[in-house]
PDB file of N, CA and C in Angstrom:
ATOM      1  N   UNK A   1     -16.288 -20.588   1.347  1.00  0.00           N
ATOM      2  CA  UNK A   1     -15.132 -20.038   0.884  1.00  0.00           C
ATOM      3  C   UNK A   1     -14.200 -19.608  -0.073  1.00  0.00           C
ATOM      4  N   UNK A   2     -13.454 -20.915  -0.728  1.00  0.00           N
ATOM      5  CA  UNK A   2     -13.134 -21.076  -1.720  1.00  0.00           C
ATOM      6  C   UNK A   2     -14.105 -20.256  -2.874  1.00  0.00           C
ATOM      7  N   UNK A   3     -15.240 -21.063  -2.729  1.00  0.00           N
ATOM      8  CA  UNK A   3     -16.186 -20.882  -3.969  1.00  0.00           C
ATOM      9  C   UNK A   3     -16.353 -18.988  -3.816  1.00  0.00           C
ATOM     10  N   UNK A   4     -16.720 -18.299  -2.986  1.00  0.00           N
ATOM     11  CA  UNK A   4     -16.480 -16.740  -2.944  1.00  0.00           C
ATOM     12  C   UNK A   4     -15.580 -16.346  -3.247  1.00  0.00           C
ATOM     13  N   UNK A   5     -14.525 -16.834  -2.786  1.00  0.00           N
ATOM     14  CA  UNK A   5     -13.491 -16.224  -3.254  1.00  0.00           C
ATOM     15  C   UNK A   5     -13.158 -15.935  -5.252  1.00  0.00           C
ATOM     16  N   UNK A   6     -13.472 -17.083  -5.624  1.00  0.00           N
ATOM     17  CA  UNK A   6     -13.505 -17.698  -6.895  1.00  0.00           C
ATOM     18  C   UNK A   6     -14.646 -16.237  -7.901  1.00  0.00           C
ATOM     19  N   UNK A   7     -16.262 -16.756  -6.886  1.00  0.00           N
ATOM     20  CA  UNK A   7     -16.697 -15.772  -7.455  1.00  0.00           C
ATOM     21  C   UNK A   7     -16.390 -14.273  -7.612  1.00  0.00           C
ATOM     22  N   UNK A   8     -15.705 -13.840  -6.747  1.00  0.00           N
ATOM     23  CA  UNK A   8     -15.469 -12.391  -7.073  1.00  0.00           C
ATOM     24  C   UNK A   8     -14.203 -11.899  -7.519  1.00  0.00           C
ATOM     25  N   UNK A   9     -13.459 -12.927  -7.829  1.00  0.00           N
ATOM     26  CA  UNK A   9     -12.215 -12.723  -8.221  1.00  0.00           C
ATOM     27  C   UNK A   9     -12.788 -12.573  -9.951  1.00  0.00           C
ATOM     28  N   UNK A  10     -13.508 -13.254 -10.335  1.00  0.00           N
ATOM     29  CA  UNK A  10     -14.208 -12.948 -11.873  1.00  0.00           C
ATOM     30  C   UNK A  10     -14.311 -10.884 -12.645  1.00  0.00           C
ATOM     31  N   UNK A  11     -14.405 -10.397 -11.129  1.00  0.00           N
ATOM     32  CA  UNK A  11     -14.851  -9.354 -11.278  1.00  0.00           C
ATOM     33  C   UNK A  11     -13.811  -8.373 -10.693  1.00  0.00           C
ATOM     34  N   UNK A  12     -12.854  -9.118 -10.452  1.00  0.00           N
ATOM     35  CA  UNK A  12     -11.144  -8.362 -10.107  1.00  0.00           C
ATOM     36  C   UNK A  12     -11.696  -7.911  -8.598  1.00  0.00           C
ATOM     37  N   UNK A  13     -12.325  -8.682  -7.532  1.00  0.00           N
ATOM     38  CA  UNK A  13     -12.677  -7.876  -5.880  1.00  0.00           C
ATOM     39  C   UNK A  13     -11.648  -9.521  -5.325  1.00  0.00           C
ATOM     40  N   UNK A  14     -11.045  -9.224  -4.473  1.00  0.00           N
ATOM     41  CA  UNK A  14     -10.272  -9.740  -3.535  1.00  0.00           C
ATOM     42  C   UNK A  14     -11.411 -10.177  -2.074  1.00  0.00           C
ATOM     43  N   UNK A  15     -11.674 -11.138  -1.800  1.00  0.00           N
ATOM     44  CA  UNK A  15     -12.527 -10.515  -0.708  1.00  0.00           C
ATOM     45  C   UNK A  15     -11.622 -10.777   0.550  1.00  0.00           C
ATOM     46  N   UNK A  16     -10.198 -11.114   0.469  1.00  0.00           N
ATOM     47  CA  UNK A  16      -9.194 -11.094   1.563  1.00  0.00           C
ATOM     48  C   UNK A  16      -7.740 -11.373   1.152  1.00  0.00           C
ATOM     49  N   UNK A  17      -7.397 -10.558   1.977  1.00  0.00           N
ATOM     50  CA  UNK A  17      -5.402 -10.876   1.279  1.00  0.00           C
ATOM     51  C   UNK A  17      -4.817 -11.639   2.239  1.00  0.00           C
ATOM     52  N   UNK A  18      -5.275 -12.121   3.122  1.00  0.00           N
ATOM     53  CA  UNK A  18      -3.951 -12.809   3.702  1.00  0.00           C
ATOM     54  C   UNK A  18      -3.895 -13.917   3.630  1.00  0.00           C
ATOM     55  N   UNK A  19      -3.259 -14.555   3.933  1.00  0.00           N
ATOM     56  CA  UNK A  19      -2.569 -16.246   4.010  1.00  0.00           C
ATOM     57  C   UNK A  19      -3.162 -16.919   5.027  1.00  0.00           C
ATOM     58  N   UNK A  20      -3.672 -16.156   6.635  1.00  0.00           N
ATOM     59  CA  UNK A  20      -3.780 -16.871   7.205  1.00  0.00           C
ATOM     60  C   UNK A  20      -5.043 -18.363   7.498  1.00  0.00           C
ATOM     61  N   UNK A  21      -5.253 -18.045   8.485  1.00  0.00           N
ATOM     62  CA  UNK A  21      -6.465 -19.278   8.916  1.00  0.00           C
ATOM     63  C   UNK A  21      -7.234 -18.677   8.316  1.00  0.00           C
ATOM     64  N   UNK A  22      -8.288 -19.410   8.470  1.00  0.00           N
ATOM     65  CA  UNK A  22      -9.625 -19.303   7.736  1.00  0.00           C
ATOM     66  C   UNK A  22     -10.658 -18.250   8.889  1.00  0.00           C
ATOM     67  N   UNK A  23     -10.274 -18.192  10.333  1.00  0.00           N
ATOM     68  CA  UNK A  23     -10.837 -17.428  11.243  1.00  0.00           C
ATOM     69  C   UNK A  23      -9.967 -15.955  10.508  1.00  0.00           C
ATOM     70  N   UNK A  24      -8.659 -15.864  10.318  1.00  0.00           N
ATOM     71  CA  UNK A  24      -8.174 -14.257  10.136  1.00  0.00           C
ATOM     72  C   UNK A  24      -8.663 -14.144   8.899  1.00  0.00           C
ATOM     73  N   UNK A  25      -8.851 -15.153   7.949  1.00  0.00           N
ATOM     74  CA  UNK A  25      -9.868 -14.875   6.317  1.00  0.00           C
ATOM     75  C   UNK A  25     -11.602 -14.130   6.482  1.00  0.00           C
ATOM     76  N   UNK A  26     -11.965 -14.849   7.665  1.00  0.00           N
ATOM     77  CA  UNK A  26     -13.048 -14.246   7.970  1.00  0.00           C
ATOM     78  C   UNK A  26     -13.211 -12.938   8.306  1.00  0.00           C
ATOM     79  N   UNK A  27     -12.117 -12.590   9.867  1.00  0.00           N
ATOM     80  CA  UNK A  27     -12.098 -11.520  10.048  1.00  0.00           C
ATOM     81  C   UNK A  27     -11.766  -9.939   9.087  1.00  0.00           C
ATOM     82  N   UNK A  28     -10.934 -10.559   8.278  1.00  0.00           N
ATOM     83  CA  UNK A  28     -10.584  -9.846   7.125  1.00  0.00           C
ATOM     84  C   UNK A  28     -11.983  -9.141   6.163  1.00  0.00           C
ATOM     85  N   UNK A  29     -12.622 -10.141   5.942  1.00  0.00           N
ATOM     86  CA  UNK A  29     -13.963  -9.863   5.282  1.00  0.00           C
ATOM     87  C   UNK A  29     -14.581  -8.818   5.799  1.00  0.00           C
ATOM     88  N   UNK A  30     -15.160  -9.130   7.721  1.00  0.00           N
ATOM     89  CA  UNK A  30     -15.778  -8.568   8.041  1.00  0.00           C
ATOM     90  C   UNK A  30     -15.259  -7.185   7.898  1.00  0.00           C
ATOM     91  N   UNK A  31     -14.189  -6.882   8.404  1.00  0.00           N
ATOM     92  CA  UNK A  31     -13.836  -5.394   8.677  1.00  0.00           C
ATOM     93  C   UNK A  31     -14.119  -5.182   7.265  1.00  0.00           C
ATOM     94  N   UNK A  32     -13.935  -5.645   5.683  1.00  0.00           N
ATOM     95  CA  UNK A  32     -13.741  -4.809   4.709  1.00  0.00           C
ATOM     96  C   UNK A  32     -15.485  -4.752   5.099  1.00  0.00           C
ATOM     97  N   UNK A  33     -16.558  -5.356   5.439  1.00  0.00           N
ATOM     98  CA  UNK A  33     -18.074  -5.153   4.976  1.00  0.00           C
ATOM     99  C   UNK A  33     -18.303  -3.879   5.751  1.00  0.00           C
ATOM    100  N   UNK A  34     -17.375  -3.887   7.171  1.00  0.00           N
ATOM    101  CA  UNK A  34     -17.654  -3.032   8.338  1.00  0.00           C
ATOM    102  C   UNK A  34     -17.325  -1.199   7.337  1.00  0.00           C
ATOM    103  N   UNK A  35     -15.973  -1.569   7.054  1.00  0.00           N
ATOM    104  CA  UNK A  35     -15.942  -0.176   5.878  1.00  0.00           C
ATOM    105  C   UNK A  35     -16.645   0.114   5.031  1.00  0.00           C
ATOM    106  N   UNK A  36     -17.290  -0.577   4.305  1.00  0.00           N
ATOM    107  CA  UNK A  36     -18.485  -0.232   3.626  1.00  0.00           C
ATOM    108  C   UNK A  36     -19.381   0.516   4.045  1.00  0.00           C
ATOM    109  N   UNK A  37     -19.870   0.126   4.715  1.00  0.00           N
ATOM    110  CA  UNK A  37     -21.178   0.274   5.538  1.00  0.00           C
ATOM    111  C   UNK A  37     -20.876   1.495   6.233  1.00  0.00           C
ATOM    112  N   UNK A  38     -19.489   1.756   6.862  1.00  0.00           N
ATOM    113  CA  UNK A  38     -19.348   3.290   7.808  1.00  0.00           C
ATOM    114  C   UNK A  38     -19.175   3.938   6.216  1.00  0.00           C
ATOM    115  N   UNK A  39     -19.203   3.387   5.160  1.00  0.00           N
ATOM    116  CA  UNK A  39     -18.727   4.912   4.438  1.00  0.00           C
ATOM    117  C   UNK A  39     -19.640   4.365   3.211  1.00  0.00           C
ATOM    118  N   UNK A  40     -20.728   4.404   3.219  1.00  0.00           N
ATOM    119  CA  UNK A  40     -21.573   4.414   2.037  1.00  0.00           C
ATOM    120  C   UNK A  40     -21.890   4.837   0.650  1.00  0.00           C
ATOM    121  N   UNK A  41     -20.888   6.189   0.701  1.00  0.00           N
ATOM    122  CA  UNK A  41     -21.127   7.444  -0.155  1.00  0.00           C
ATOM    123  C   UNK A  41     -20.385   6.423  -1.612  1.00  0.00           C
ATOM    124  N   UNK A  42     -20.852   6.681  -3.203  1.00  0.00           N
ATOM    125  CA  UNK A  42     -20.283   5.970  -3.917  1.00  0.00           C
ATOM    126  C   UNK A  42     -18.657   6.068  -4.405  1.00  0.00           C
ATOM    127  N   UNK A  43     -17.932   5.392  -5.240  1.00  0.00           N
ATOM    128  CA  UNK A  43     -16.598   5.199  -5.377  1.00  0.00           C
ATOM    129  C   UNK A  43     -16.850   6.428  -6.057  1.00  0.00           C
ATOM    130  N   UNK A  44     -15.510   6.970  -6.348  1.00  0.00           N
ATOM    131  CA  UNK A  44     -14.925   8.328  -7.123  1.00  0.00           C
ATOM    132  C   UNK A  44     -15.119   7.693  -8.579  1.00  0.00           C
ATOM    133  N   UNK A  45     -15.581   8.884  -9.317  1.00  0.00           N
ATOM    134  CA  UNK A  45     -14.989   8.214 -10.526  1.00  0.00           C
ATOM    135  C   UNK A  45     -13.632   8.125 -11.177  1.00  0.00           C
ATOM    136  N   UNK A  46     -13.587   7.289 -12.186  1.00  0.00           N
ATOM    137  CA  UNK A  46     -12.193   6.388 -12.226  1.00  0.00           C
ATOM    138  C   UNK A  46     -11.372   7.427 -12.398  1.00  0.00           C
ATOM    139  N   UNK A  47     -11.299   8.516 -13.583  1.00  0.00           N
ATOM    140  CA  UNK A  47     -10.145   9.705 -13.883  1.00  0.00           C
ATOM    141  C   UNK A  47     -10.018  10.003 -12.630  1.00  0.00           C
ATOM    142  N   UNK A  48     -11.020  10.457 -11.760  1.00  0.00           N
ATOM    143  CA  UNK A  48     -10.843  11.665 -10.667  1.00  0.00           C
ATOM    144  C   UNK A  48      -9.773  10.112  -9.603  1.00  0.00           C
ATOM    145  N   UNK A  49      -9.954   8.664  -9.716  1.00  0.00           N
ATOM    146  CA  UNK A  49      -9.205   8.284  -8.671  1.00  0.00           C
ATOM    147  C   UNK A  49      -8.059   8.040  -9.172  1.00  0.00           C
ATOM    148  N   UNK A  50      -8.117   7.874 -10.718  1.00  0.00           N
ATOM    149  CA  UNK A  50      -6.694   6.989 -11.244  1.00  0.00           C
ATOM    150  C   UNK A  50      -5.675   8.569 -10.845  1.00  0.00           C
ATOM    151  N   UNK A  51      -6.531  10.016 -11.246  1.00  0.00           N
ATOM    152  CA  UNK A  51      -5.385  11.338 -10.908  1.00  0.00           C
ATOM    153  C   UNK A  51      -4.926  10.964  -9.385  1.00  0.00           C
ATOM    154  N   UNK A  52      -5.701  11.041  -8.403  1.00  0.00           N
ATOM    155  CA  UNK A  52      -5.214  11.108  -6.723  1.00  0.00           C
ATOM    156  C   UNK A  52      -4.512  10.017  -6.763  1.00  0.00           C
ATOM    157  N   UNK A  53      -4.444   8.757  -7.438  1.00  0.00           N
ATOM    158  CA  UNK A  53      -3.689   7.664  -7.148  1.00  0.00           C
ATOM    159  C   UNK A  53      -2.295   7.627  -7.379  1.00  0.00           C
ATOM    160  N   UNK A  54      -2.599   8.517  -9.143  1.00  0.00           N
ATOM    161  CA  UNK A  54      -1.039   9.170  -9.633  1.00  0.00           C
ATOM    162  C   UNK A  54      -0.344  10.131  -8.819  1.00  0.00           C
ATOM    163  N   UNK A  55      -0.910  11.306  -8.011  1.00  0.00           N
ATOM    164  CA  UNK A  55      -0.261  12.080  -7.622  1.00  0.00           C
ATOM    165  C   UNK A  55       0.205  11.433  -6.248  1.00  0.00           C
ATOM    166  N   UNK A  56      -0.724  10.308  -5.631  1.00  0.00           N
ATOM    167  CA  UNK A  56      -0.122  10.207  -4.336  1.00  0.00           C
ATOM    168  C   UNK A  56       1.388   9.356  -4.506  1.00  0.00           C
ATOM    169  N   UNK A  57       1.393   8.418  -5.835  1.00  0.00           N
ATOM    170  CA  UNK A  57       2.519   7.605  -6.327  1.00  0.00           C
ATOM    171  C   UNK A  57       3.790   8.534  -6.541  1.00  0.00           C
ATOM    172  N   UNK A  58       3.626  10.155  -7.060  1.00  0.00           N
ATOM    173  CA  UNK A  58       4.677  10.836  -7.574  1.00  0.00           C
ATOM    174  C   UNK A  58       5.031  11.174  -6.238  1.00  0.00           C
ATOM    175  N   UNK A  59       4.360  11.910  -5.204  1.00  0.00           N
ATOM    176  CA  UNK A  59       4.389  12.029  -4.175  1.00  0.00           C
ATOM    177  C   UNK A  59       5.631  11.436  -3.565  1.00  0.00           C
ATOM    178  N   UNK A  60       5.252   9.599  -3.395  1.00  0.00           N
ATOM    179  CA  UNK A  60       6.244   8.787  -2.839  1.00  0.00           C
ATOM    180  C   UNK A  60       7.242   8.835  -3.485  1.00  0.00           C
ATOM    181  N   UNK A  61       7.076   8.876  -4.957  1.00  0.00           N
ATOM    182  CA  UNK A  61       8.829   8.767  -5.845  1.00  0.00           C
ATOM    183  C   UNK A  61       9.451  10.029  -4.825  1.00  0.00           C
ATOM    184  N   UNK A  62       8.589  11.184  -4.995  1.00  0.00           N
ATOM    185  CA  UNK A  62       9.669  12.492  -4.192  1.00  0.00           C
ATOM    186  C   UNK A  62      10.473  12.506  -3.044  1.00  0.00           C
ATOM    187  N   UNK A  63       9.681  11.606  -2.404  1.00  0.00           N
ATOM    188  CA  UNK A  63      10.152  11.730  -0.865  1.00  0.00           C
ATOM    189  C   UNK A  63      10.963  10.586  -0.857  1.00  0.00           C
ATOM    190  N   UNK A  64      10.873   9.340  -1.588  1.00  0.00           N
ATOM    191  CA  UNK A  64      12.164   8.055  -1.160  1.00  0.00           C
ATOM    192  C   UNK A  64      13.092   8.461  -2.032  1.00  0.00           C
ATOM    193  N   UNK A  65      13.003   9.560  -3.155  1.00  0.00           N
ATOM    194  CA  UNK A  65      14.112   9.960  -3.839  1.00  0.00           C
ATOM    195  C   UNK A  65      14.969  11.114  -2.821  1.00  0.00           C
ATOM    196  N   UNK A  66      14.093  11.607  -1.687  1.00  0.00           N
ATOM    197  CA  UNK A  66      15.078  12.678  -0.995  1.00  0.00           C
ATOM    198  C   UNK A  66      15.355  11.976   0.008  1.00  0.00           C
ATOM    199  N   UNK A  67      14.901  10.835   0.989  1.00  0.00           N
ATOM    200  CA  UNK A  67      15.164  10.595   1.754  1.00  0.00           C
ATOM    201  C   UNK A  67      16.757   9.108   1.120  1.00  0.00           C
ATOM    202  N   UNK A  68      16.842   9.380  -0.402  1.00  0.00           N
ATOM    203  CA  UNK A  68      17.913   7.819  -0.656  1.00  0.00           C
ATOM    204  C   UNK A  68      19.297   9.097  -0.806  1.00  0.00           C
ATOM    205  N   UNK A  69      18.871  10.566  -1.273  1.00  0.00           N
ATOM    206  CA  UNK A  69      20.127  11.798  -1.127  1.00  0.00           C
ATOM    207  C   UNK A  69      20.364  12.059  -0.181  1.00  0.00           C
ATOM    208  N   UNK A  70      19.979  11.808   1.144  1.00  0.00           N
ATOM    209  CA  UNK A  70      20.233  12.041   2.343  1.00  0.00           C
ATOM    210  C   UNK A  70      20.492  11.000   3.016  1.00  0.00           C
ATOM    211  N   UNK A  71      20.279   9.987   2.875  1.00  0.00           N
ATOM    212  CA  UNK A  71      20.417   8.782   3.278  1.00  0.00           C
ATOM    213  C   UNK A  71      22.515   8.483   2.640  1.00  0.00           C
ATOM    214  N   UNK A  72      22.992   8.602   1.388  1.00  0.00           N
ATOM    215  CA  UNK A  72      23.648   9.069   0.202  1.00  0.00           C
ATOM    216  C   UNK A  72      24.842   9.476   1.154  1.00  0.00           C
ATOM    217  N   UNK A  73      24.532  10.710   1.264  1.00  0.00           N
ATOM    218  CA  UNK A  73      24.844  12.072   1.607  1.00  0.00           C
ATOM    219  C   UNK A  73      25.567  11.744   3.049  1.00  0.00           C
ATOM    220  N   UNK A  74      24.381  11.059   4.060  1.00  0.00           N
ATOM    221  CA  UNK A  74      25.414  10.746   5.133  1.00  0.00           C
ATOM    222  C   UNK A  74      26.287   9.682   5.153  1.00  0.00           C
ATOM    223  N   UNK A  75      25.962   8.744   3.772  1.00  0.00           N
ATOM    224  CA  UNK A  75      27.373   7.255   3.975  1.00  0.00           C
ATOM    225  C   UNK A  75      28.568   7.898   3.547  1.00  0.00           C
ATOM    226  N   UNK A  76      28.464   8.827   2.763  1.00  0.00           N
ATOM    227  CA  UNK A  76      29.397   9.520   1.783  1.00  0.00           C
ATOM    228  C   UNK A  76      30.530  10.212   3.239  1.00  0.00           C
ATOM    229  N   UNK A  77      29.737  10.944   3.758  1.00  0.00           N
ATOM    230  CA  UNK A  77      30.242  11.897   5.021  1.00  0.00           C
ATOM    231  C   UNK A  77      30.850  10.668   6.243  1.00  0.00           C
ATOM    232  N   UNK A  78      29.964   9.669   6.764  1.00  0.00           N
ATOM    233  CA  UNK A  78      30.629   8.246   7.208  1.00  0.00           C
ATOM    234  C   UNK A  78      31.863   7.715   6.232  1.00  0.00           C
ATOM    235  N   UNK A  79      31.735   7.797   5.612  1.00  0.00           N
ATOM    236  CA  UNK A  79      33.259   7.102   5.049  1.00  0.00           C
ATOM    237  C   UNK A  79      34.140   7.811   4.904  1.00  0.00           C
ATOM    238  N   UNK A  80      34.070   9.611   4.390  1.00  0.00           N
ATOM    239  CA  UNK A  80      35.215   9.911   5.113  1.00  0.00           C
ATOM    240  C   UNK A  80      35.752  10.142   6.435  1.00  0.00           C
ATOM    241  N   UNK A  81      35.001  10.313   7.238  1.00  0.00           N
ATOM    242  CA  UNK A  81      35.381  10.053   8.744  1.00  0.00           C
ATOM    243  C   UNK A  81      35.922   8.673   8.851  1.00  0.00           C
ATOM    244  N   UNK A  82      35.381   7.445   8.287  1.00  0.00           N
ATOM    245  CA  UNK A  82      36.497   6.573   9.260  1.00  0.00           C
ATOM    246  C   UNK A  82      37.650   6.281   7.728  1.00  0.00           C
ATOM    247  N   UNK A  83      37.483   6.646   6.793  1.00  0.00           N
ATOM    248  CA  UNK A  83      38.823   7.224   6.263  1.00  0.00           C
ATOM    249  C   UNK A  83      40.490   7.848   7.042  1.00  0.00           C
ATOM    250  N   UNK A  84      39.678   8.824   7.805  1.00  0.00           N
ATOM    251  CA  UNK A  84      40.469   9.853   8.554  1.00  0.00           C
ATOM    252  C   UNK A  84      40.768   8.729   9.867  1.00  0.00           C
ATOM    253  N   UNK A  85      39.949   8.575  10.151  1.00  0.00           N
ATOM    254  CA  UNK A  85      40.218   7.913  11.586  1.00  0.00           C
ATOM    255  C   UNK A  85      41.299   6.538  11.254  1.00  0.00           C
ATOM    256  N   UNK A  86      41.024   5.432  10.065  1.00  0.00           N
ATOM    257  CA  UNK A  86      41.498   4.161  10.312  1.00  0.00           C
ATOM    258  C   UNK A  86      42.169   4.195   9.476  1.00  0.00           C
TER     259      UNK A  86
END
């Protein structure tokens, strides 16, 4: 198992990400192989893939900023109410 991981690591591939038991590692590897065989289409071009990932990351940043702003507004309102009560 370690030899396989080392051989794949040379190519930038992780055979498994779990840190659990050997059985869990093997199960993860089987799941990955099944995913590959279920989706045999070739990988997208690097430029397309990077563009897609960048857009996805920027969307997440925007969503997190919105949630942070809303939570800040809620906390400000809660603090004002608690100041009035206390």
